Amino acid sequence: QAVTASFESAVNTAPREKQDRLLLAHPDLAGKLARAGQLTPASTREQSRLGLNQLSDTEFAEFDRLNRAYRERFGFPFIVCVGLLPDRSQL
């Protein structure tokens, strides 16, 4: 918990520009980095829990379209803590 508190403090006290850069660096959900196997192990586990690593080409294309639309509309990537969502077997 100390690490989490330290991280939260660093983010919350950082200048807005640095906070924005952190958000902008976040990978897209089921995006190109995920498909290429280039996410961190933790991100890979989170997305795999929901079966996002098993999407068809059509489903990946739809995620890509939605990710781009969200980024264009709001100026940053769609971010959700998938680790807090129920895993695929519970959906």
C-alpha atoms as a PDB file:
ATOM      1  CA  GLN A   1       0.000   0.000   0.000  1.00  0.00           C
ATOM      2  CA  ALA A   2       2.899   2.331   0.577  1.00  0.00           C
ATOM      3  CA  VAL A   3       3.912   2.044  -3.072  1.00  0.00           C
ATOM      4  CA  THR A   4       0.364   2.815  -4.194  1.00  0.00           C
ATOM      5  CA  ALA A   5       0.153   5.820  -1.877  1.00  0.00           C
ATOM      6  CA  SER A   6       3.517   7.083  -3.112  1.00  0.00           C
ATOM      7  CA  PHE A   7       2.442   6.694  -6.742  1.00  0.00           C
ATOM      8  CA  GLU A   8      -0.870   8.475  -6.108  1.00  0.00           C
ATOM      9  CA  SER A   9       0.929  11.311  -4.362  1.00  0.00           C
ATOM     10  CA  ALA A  10       3.427  11.691  -7.209  1.00  0.00           C
ATOM     11  CA  VAL A  11       0.651  11.802  -9.807  1.00  0.00           C
ATOM     12  CA  ASN A  12      -1.646  14.080  -7.810  1.00  0.00           C
ATOM     13  CA  THR A  13       1.096  16.619  -7.079  1.00  0.00           C
ATOM     14  CA  ALA A  14       2.623  16.590 -10.569  1.00  0.00           C
ATOM     15  CA  PRO A  15       1.991  19.553 -12.861  1.00  0.00           C
ATOM     16  CA  ARG A  16      -1.032  19.158 -15.138  1.00  0.00           C
ATOM     17  CA  GLU A  17       1.238  18.789 -18.193  1.00  0.00           C
ATOM     18  CA  LYS A  18       2.925  15.720 -16.682  1.00  0.00           C
ATOM     19  CA  GLN A  19      -0.423  14.243 -15.663  1.00  0.00           C
ATOM     20  CA  ASP A  20      -1.666  14.693 -19.231  1.00  0.00           C
ATOM     21  CA  ARG A  21       1.472  13.011 -20.641  1.00  0.00           C
ATOM     22  CA  LEU A  22       0.877  10.043 -18.343  1.00  0.00           C
ATOM     23  CA  LEU A  23      -2.680   9.649 -19.629  1.00  0.00           C
ATOM     24  CA  LEU A  24      -1.636  10.089 -23.245  1.00  0.00           C
ATOM     25  CA  ALA A  25       0.958   7.317 -22.884  1.00  0.00           C
ATOM     26  CA  HIS A  26      -1.659   4.786 -21.779  1.00  0.00           C
ATOM     27  CA  PRO A  27      -2.109   1.951 -24.301  1.00  0.00           C
ATOM     28  CA  ASP A  28      -5.452   1.465 -26.021  1.00  0.00           C
ATOM     29  CA  LEU A  29      -7.747  -1.262 -24.732  1.00  0.00           C
ATOM     30  CA  ALA A  30      -7.358  -4.256 -27.076  1.00  0.00           C
ATOM     31  CA  GLY A  31      -5.236  -2.014 -29.270  1.00  0.00           C
ATOM     32  CA  LYS A  32      -2.287  -2.543 -31.572  1.00  0.00           C
ATOM     33  CA  LEU A  33       0.230  -2.933 -28.728  1.00  0.00           C
ATOM     34  CA  ALA A  34      -1.926  -5.658 -27.171  1.00  0.00           C
ATOM     35  CA  ARG A  35      -2.275  -7.442 -30.482  1.00  0.00           C
ATOM     36  CA  ALA A  36       1.497  -7.278 -31.034  1.00  0.00           C
ATOM     37  CA  GLY A  37       2.187  -8.654 -27.537  1.00  0.00           C
ATOM     38  CA  GLN A  38       3.904  -5.425 -26.462  1.00  0.00           C
ATOM     39  CA  LEU A  39       1.945  -4.622 -23.287  1.00  0.00           C
ATOM     40  CA  THR A  40       3.419  -4.960 -19.824  1.00  0.00           C
ATOM     41  CA  PRO A  41       2.774  -8.326 -18.173  1.00  0.00           C
ATOM     42  CA  ALA A  42       0.235  -6.701 -15.818  1.00  0.00           C
ATOM     43  CA  SER A  43      -1.701  -5.090 -18.684  1.00  0.00           C
ATOM     44  CA  THR A  44      -1.611  -8.342 -20.627  1.00  0.00           C
ATOM     45  CA  ARG A  45      -3.060 -10.233 -17.631  1.00  0.00           C
ATOM     46  CA  GLU A  46      -5.795  -7.646 -17.125  1.00  0.00           C
ATOM     47  CA  GLN A  47      -6.892  -7.657 -20.748  1.00  0.00           C
ATOM     48  CA  SER A  48      -6.644 -11.460 -20.975  1.00  0.00           C
ATOM     49  CA  ARG A  49      -8.979 -11.882 -17.987  1.00  0.00           C
ATOM     50  CA  LEU A  50     -11.711 -10.380 -20.132  1.00  0.00           C
ATOM     51  CA  GLY A  51     -10.792 -12.403 -23.202  1.00  0.00           C
ATOM     52  CA  LEU A  52      -9.562  -9.344 -25.090  1.00  0.00           C
ATOM     53  CA  ASN A  53      -6.576 -11.381 -26.257  1.00  0.00           C
ATOM     54  CA  GLN A  54      -8.956 -13.722 -28.088  1.00  0.00           C
ATOM     55  CA  LEU A  55     -10.822 -11.237 -30.247  1.00  0.00           C
ATOM     56  CA  SER A  56     -11.416 -11.941 -33.912  1.00  0.00           C
ATOM     57  CA  ASP A  57      -9.927  -9.681 -36.572  1.00  0.00           C
ATOM     58  CA  THR A  58     -13.330  -8.012 -36.911  1.00  0.00           C
ATOM     59  CA  GLU A  59     -13.574  -7.403 -33.152  1.00  0.00           C
ATOM     60  CA  PHE A  60     -10.033  -5.989 -33.009  1.00  0.00           C
ATOM     61  CA  ALA A  61     -10.903  -3.676 -35.903  1.00  0.00           C
ATOM     62  CA  GLU A  62     -13.993  -2.473 -34.032  1.00  0.00           C
ATOM     63  CA  PHE A  63     -11.971  -1.803 -30.875  1.00  0.00           C
ATOM     64  CA  ASP A  64      -9.471   0.134 -32.989  1.00  0.00           C
ATOM     65  CA  ARG A  65     -12.264   2.207 -34.533  1.00  0.00           C
ATOM     66  CA  LEU A  66     -13.798   2.928 -31.117  1.00  0.00           C
ATOM     67  CA  ASN A  67     -10.414   3.774 -29.562  1.00  0.00           C
ATOM     68  CA  ARG A  68      -9.671   6.238 -32.381  1.00  0.00           C
ATOM     69  CA  ALA A  69     -13.129   7.834 -32.113  1.00  0.00           C
ATOM     70  CA  TYR A  70     -12.765   8.270 -28.340  1.00  0.00           C
ATOM     71  CA  ARG A  71      -9.282   9.769 -28.696  1.00  0.00           C
ATOM     72  CA  GLU A  72     -10.472  12.161 -31.415  1.00  0.00           C
ATOM     73  CA  ARG A  73     -13.455  13.287 -29.347  1.00  0.00           C
ATOM     74  CA  PHE A  74     -11.786  13.645 -25.944  1.00  0.00           C
ATOM     75  CA  GLY A  75      -8.107  14.091 -26.783  1.00  0.00           C
ATOM     76  CA  PHE A  76      -6.825  11.138 -24.754  1.00  0.00           C
ATOM     77  CA  PRO A  77      -7.236   7.359 -24.758  1.00  0.00           C
ATOM     78  CA  PHE A  78     -10.175   5.502 -23.246  1.00  0.00           C
ATOM     79  CA  ILE A  79      -8.902   4.222 -19.899  1.00  0.00           C
ATOM     80  CA  VAL A  80     -10.684   1.729 -17.691  1.00  0.00           C
ATOM     81  CA  CYS A  81      -9.320  -0.416 -14.883  1.00  0.00           C
ATOM     82  CA  VAL A  82     -10.222  -3.790 -16.369  1.00  0.00           C
ATOM     83  CA  GLY A  83      -8.640  -5.441 -13.334  1.00  0.00           C
ATOM     84  CA  LEU A  84     -11.666  -4.348 -11.321  1.00  0.00           C
ATOM     85  CA  LEU A  85     -14.174  -5.828 -13.784  1.00  0.00           C
ATOM     86  CA  PRO A  86     -15.409  -9.423 -13.422  1.00  0.00           C
ATOM     87  CA  ASP A  87     -13.462 -11.895 -15.514  1.00  0.00           C
ATOM     88  CA  ARG A  88     -14.911 -13.270 -18.730  1.00  0.00           C
ATOM     89  CA  SER A  89     -16.372 -16.369 -17.032  1.00  0.00           C
ATOM     90  CA  GLN A  90     -18.548 -14.107 -14.869  1.00  0.00           C
ATOM     91  CA  LEU A  91     -19.939 -12.007 -17.717  1.00  0.00           C
END
